[in-house]
N, C-alpha and C. Protein backbone atom coordinates (compact mmCIF):
# COMPACT_ATOMS: atom_id res chain seq x y z
N MET A 1 -30.90 22.70 -25.61
CA MET A 1 -29.68 22.47 -24.61
C MET A 1 -28.45 22.67 -25.61
N ASP A 2 -27.39 23.01 -25.59
CA ASP A 2 -25.94 22.70 -26.54
C ASP A 2 -25.61 21.62 -26.38
N SER A 3 -25.42 20.90 -27.55
CA SER A 3 -24.73 19.68 -27.68
C SER A 3 -22.73 19.95 -27.92
N PHE A 4 -22.70 18.74 -27.01
CA PHE A 4 -21.32 18.68 -26.78
C PHE A 4 -20.77 17.31 -27.61
N ILE A 5 -19.58 17.68 -28.50
CA ILE A 5 -18.81 16.72 -29.08
C ILE A 5 -17.39 16.37 -28.61
N LEU A 6 -17.33 15.21 -28.62
CA LEU A 6 -15.88 14.69 -28.05
C LEU A 6 -15.35 14.40 -28.77
N ASP A 7 -13.96 14.45 -29.14
CA ASP A 7 -13.44 13.97 -30.44
C ASP A 7 -12.71 13.31 -29.75
N VAL A 8 -12.25 12.13 -30.01
CA VAL A 8 -11.84 10.72 -29.02
C VAL A 8 -10.94 10.15 -29.79
N THR A 9 -10.36 10.94 -30.84
CA THR A 9 -9.47 10.10 -31.95
C THR A 9 -8.11 10.37 -31.58
N THR A 10 -7.76 11.49 -31.20
CA THR A 10 -6.54 11.89 -30.66
C THR A 10 -6.18 11.77 -29.37
N THR A 11 -7.17 11.06 -28.35
CA THR A 11 -6.71 10.76 -26.86
C THR A 11 -7.44 9.82 -26.47
N ASP A 12 -7.22 8.86 -25.64
CA ASP A 12 -8.18 7.60 -24.95
C ASP A 12 -9.24 8.53 -24.13
N GLU A 13 -10.27 7.71 -23.92
CA GLU A 13 -11.27 8.33 -22.86
C GLU A 13 -11.07 8.42 -21.55
N TRP A 14 -10.17 7.80 -20.93
CA TRP A 14 -9.62 8.15 -19.67
C TRP A 14 -8.76 9.20 -19.73
N GLU A 15 -8.16 9.40 -20.76
CA GLU A 15 -7.20 10.56 -20.73
C GLU A 15 -7.86 12.03 -20.73
N PHE A 16 -8.93 11.98 -21.48
CA PHE A 16 -9.76 13.22 -21.70
C PHE A 16 -10.30 13.81 -20.04
N HIS A 17 -10.89 12.42 -19.31
CA HIS A 17 -11.35 12.87 -17.74
C HIS A 17 -10.25 13.24 -16.80
N TRP A 18 -8.96 13.02 -17.10
CA TRP A 18 -8.14 13.58 -16.41
C TRP A 18 -7.13 14.64 -16.95
N ILE A 19 -7.37 15.56 -17.95
CA ILE A 19 -7.23 16.68 -18.31
C ILE A 19 -7.28 17.61 -17.48
N GLY A 20 -6.12 18.50 -16.89
CA GLY A 20 -6.22 19.21 -15.89
C GLY A 20 -5.76 18.90 -14.56
N MET A 21 -6.43 17.78 -14.26
CA MET A 21 -5.86 16.96 -13.04
C MET A 21 -4.18 17.19 -12.74
N PRO A 22 -3.99 17.44 -11.50
CA PRO A 22 -2.56 17.31 -10.65
C PRO A 22 -2.25 15.91 -11.03
N GLU A 23 -0.49 16.11 -11.04
CA GLU A 23 -0.10 14.78 -11.21
C GLU A 23 0.14 14.11 -9.94
N PHE A 24 0.29 12.87 -9.66
CA PHE A 24 0.50 12.10 -8.92
C PHE A 24 1.32 11.14 -8.86
N GLN A 25 2.50 11.09 -8.06
CA GLN A 25 3.48 9.75 -7.95
C GLN A 25 3.62 9.71 -6.49
N GLN A 26 3.38 8.05 -6.51
CA GLN A 26 3.54 7.56 -5.35
C GLN A 26 4.87 6.75 -4.57
N VAL A 27 5.47 7.77 -3.65
CA VAL A 27 6.64 7.13 -3.75
C VAL A 27 6.90 6.01 -2.62
N ARG A 28 7.47 5.07 -2.87
CA ARG A 28 7.73 3.74 -1.96
C ARG A 28 8.48 3.91 -1.05
N LYS A 29 8.07 3.61 -0.07
CA LYS A 29 9.28 3.67 1.23
C LYS A 29 9.84 2.47 0.85
N LYS A 30 11.31 2.33 1.11
CA LYS A 30 11.97 1.06 1.68
C LYS A 30 12.88 1.41 2.73
N PRO A 31 12.96 0.10 3.37
CA PRO A 31 13.14 -0.10 4.56
C PRO A 31 14.98 0.74 4.56
N VAL A 32 15.60 1.06 5.41
CA VAL A 32 17.25 1.20 5.78
C VAL A 32 17.50 0.02 5.84
N SER A 33 17.08 -1.05 5.94
CA SER A 33 17.69 -2.03 6.75
C SER A 33 16.93 -3.59 6.51
N GLN A 34 17.65 -4.80 6.51
CA GLN A 34 16.64 -5.98 6.39
C GLN A 34 17.49 -6.79 6.82
N ILE A 35 17.00 -7.55 7.73
CA ILE A 35 17.94 -8.74 8.37
C ILE A 35 16.46 -9.90 8.50
N THR A 36 17.66 -11.14 8.28
CA THR A 36 16.81 -12.34 8.85
C THR A 36 17.22 -13.12 10.20
N VAL A 37 16.29 -13.44 10.61
CA VAL A 37 16.15 -13.91 12.05
C VAL A 37 15.73 -15.57 11.83
N ARG A 38 16.54 -16.27 12.09
CA ARG A 38 16.30 -17.93 11.65
C ARG A 38 15.78 -18.07 13.60
N PHE A 39 14.70 -19.13 13.89
CA PHE A 39 14.50 -19.73 15.16
C PHE A 39 14.33 -21.26 14.87
N GLU A 40 15.09 -21.75 16.11
CA GLU A 40 15.02 -23.32 16.00
C GLU A 40 14.04 -23.93 16.82
N THR A 41 13.30 -23.17 17.43
CA THR A 41 12.02 -23.83 17.91
C THR A 41 11.08 -22.74 17.56
N GLN A 42 9.63 -23.13 17.72
CA GLN A 42 8.40 -22.41 18.04
C GLN A 42 8.85 -21.54 19.42
N GLU A 43 9.26 -22.04 20.41
CA GLU A 43 9.41 -21.22 21.86
C GLU A 43 10.48 -20.10 21.41
N ASP A 44 11.30 -20.33 20.81
CA ASP A 44 12.29 -19.15 20.40
C ASP A 44 11.55 -18.10 19.77
N MET A 45 10.62 -18.42 18.45
CA MET A 45 10.04 -17.72 18.20
C MET A 45 8.82 -16.86 18.81
N ASP A 46 8.00 -17.50 20.08
CA ASP A 46 7.53 -16.69 20.53
C ASP A 46 7.99 -15.88 21.41
N ASN A 47 9.09 -16.41 22.16
CA ASN A 47 9.92 -15.61 23.33
C ASN A 47 10.40 -14.23 22.25
N PHE A 48 11.11 -14.44 21.12
CA PHE A 48 10.88 -13.10 20.40
C PHE A 48 9.96 -11.87 20.28
N ALA A 49 8.96 -12.85 19.37
CA ALA A 49 7.92 -11.95 19.57
C ALA A 49 7.50 -11.24 20.87
N GLU A 50 7.49 -12.07 21.75
CA GLU A 50 7.06 -11.17 23.47
C GLU A 50 8.07 -9.57 23.09
N LEU A 51 9.64 -10.10 23.00
CA LEU A 51 10.61 -9.25 23.16
C LEU A 51 10.30 -8.15 22.40
N ILE A 52 9.94 -8.33 21.00
CA ILE A 52 9.65 -7.03 20.32
C ILE A 52 7.64 -6.43 20.19
N GLY A 53 7.05 -7.59 20.95
CA GLY A 53 5.65 -6.77 20.93
C GLY A 53 5.07 -6.99 19.89
N GLN A 54 5.08 -7.51 18.70
CA GLN A 54 4.59 -7.86 17.81
C GLN A 54 3.79 -9.67 17.60
N LYS A 55 2.79 -10.04 16.65
CA LYS A 55 2.61 -11.25 16.91
C LYS A 55 3.17 -11.96 15.70
N LEU A 56 3.64 -12.93 15.61
CA LEU A 56 4.29 -13.53 14.88
C LEU A 56 3.69 -14.97 14.55
N THR A 57 3.55 -15.62 13.08
CA THR A 57 3.19 -16.78 13.23
C THR A 57 4.12 -17.64 12.11
N LEU A 58 4.05 -18.84 11.71
CA LEU A 58 4.94 -19.70 10.96
C LEU A 58 4.45 -18.88 9.36
N LYS A 59 3.75 -18.21 8.87
CA LYS A 59 3.36 -17.35 7.93
C LYS A 59 3.87 -16.15 7.54
N THR A 60 4.57 -15.75 8.96
CA THR A 60 5.00 -14.15 8.78
C THR A 60 5.81 -14.49 8.30
N LYS A 61 5.93 -13.61 6.95
CA LYS A 61 7.27 -13.24 5.86
C LYS A 61 8.10 -11.79 6.21
N SER A 62 7.36 -11.36 6.80
CA SER A 62 8.30 -9.84 7.64
C SER A 62 6.96 -8.70 8.40
N ILE A 63 7.88 -7.98 9.03
CA ILE A 63 7.57 -7.04 9.88
C ILE A 63 7.89 -5.86 9.76
N TRP A 64 7.54 -4.52 10.57
CA TRP A 64 8.11 -3.62 10.53
C TRP A 64 8.46 -2.88 11.80
N HIS A 65 9.41 -2.81 12.37
CA HIS A 65 9.66 -2.55 13.71
C HIS A 65 10.17 -1.02 13.57
N PRO A 66 9.49 -0.22 14.52
CA PRO A 66 8.44 -0.53 14.90
C PRO A 66 7.14 -0.75 14.38
N HIS A 67 6.05 -1.52 14.97
CA HIS A 67 4.94 -2.14 14.24
C HIS A 67 4.65 -0.62 13.42
N ARG A 68 3.68 -1.33 12.21
CA ARG A 68 3.47 -0.36 10.94
C ARG A 68 1.92 -1.21 10.48
N PRO A 69 0.85 -1.08 11.07
CA PRO A 69 -0.18 -1.35 10.05
C PRO A 69 -0.10 -1.45 8.59
N HIS A 70 -0.35 -2.37 7.58
CA HIS A 70 -0.38 -2.95 6.44
C HIS A 70 -1.59 -1.56 5.91
N LYS A 71 -0.91 -0.88 4.82
CA LYS A 71 -1.93 0.00 4.27
C LYS A 71 -2.55 -0.68 2.88
N LEU A 72 -3.45 -0.83 2.71
CA LEU A 72 -3.89 -1.21 1.29
C LEU A 72 -4.67 -0.20 0.77
N ALA A 73 -4.40 -0.05 -0.43
CA ALA A 73 -4.70 1.13 -1.48
C ALA A 73 -6.08 0.85 -1.77
N ASN A 74 -6.72 -0.64 -2.10
CA ASN A 74 -7.85 -0.65 -2.27
C ASN A 74 -8.53 -0.40 -1.26
N LYS A 75 -8.88 0.07 -0.16
CA LYS A 75 -9.72 0.18 1.16
C LYS A 75 -9.81 1.62 1.12
N LYS A 76 -9.14 2.40 0.78
CA LYS A 76 -9.49 3.66 0.36
C LYS A 76 -10.32 4.01 -0.55
N VAL A 77 -11.36 4.74 -0.84
CA VAL A 77 -12.27 5.40 -1.62
C VAL A 77 -12.69 6.76 -1.64
N TRP A 78 -12.65 7.17 -2.61
CA TRP A 78 -13.00 8.61 -2.65
C TRP A 78 -14.35 8.85 -3.13
N ARG A 79 -15.38 9.74 -2.71
CA ARG A 79 -16.31 9.55 -2.49
C ARG A 79 -16.53 11.22 -2.45
N ASP A 80 -17.43 11.50 -3.26
CA ASP A 80 -18.10 13.17 -3.82
C ASP A 80 -19.21 13.52 -3.08
N GLY A 81 -19.25 14.38 -2.46
CA GLY A 81 -20.49 14.66 -2.12
C GLY A 81 -21.59 13.75 -1.02
N GLU A 82 -20.68 13.33 -0.48
CA GLU A 82 -21.56 11.88 0.86
C GLU A 82 -20.99 12.43 1.93
């Protein structure tokens, strides 16, 4: 069996594994516009949520309209050969 010697003095170990891989850049999508909506009462907020067809709570900080589910990168996994 031939031996393989890796010289890591000029490159970090992770860089060696990425040699020849295509470049990837994630483009962050930004909204065209943002607005702040204030509600005087819980009932007002509930009425607005019903009008736009989305769930709003006191912890809601932002939404997309129309609704777009959150996409978490850590839920995407690459599996080879499965």
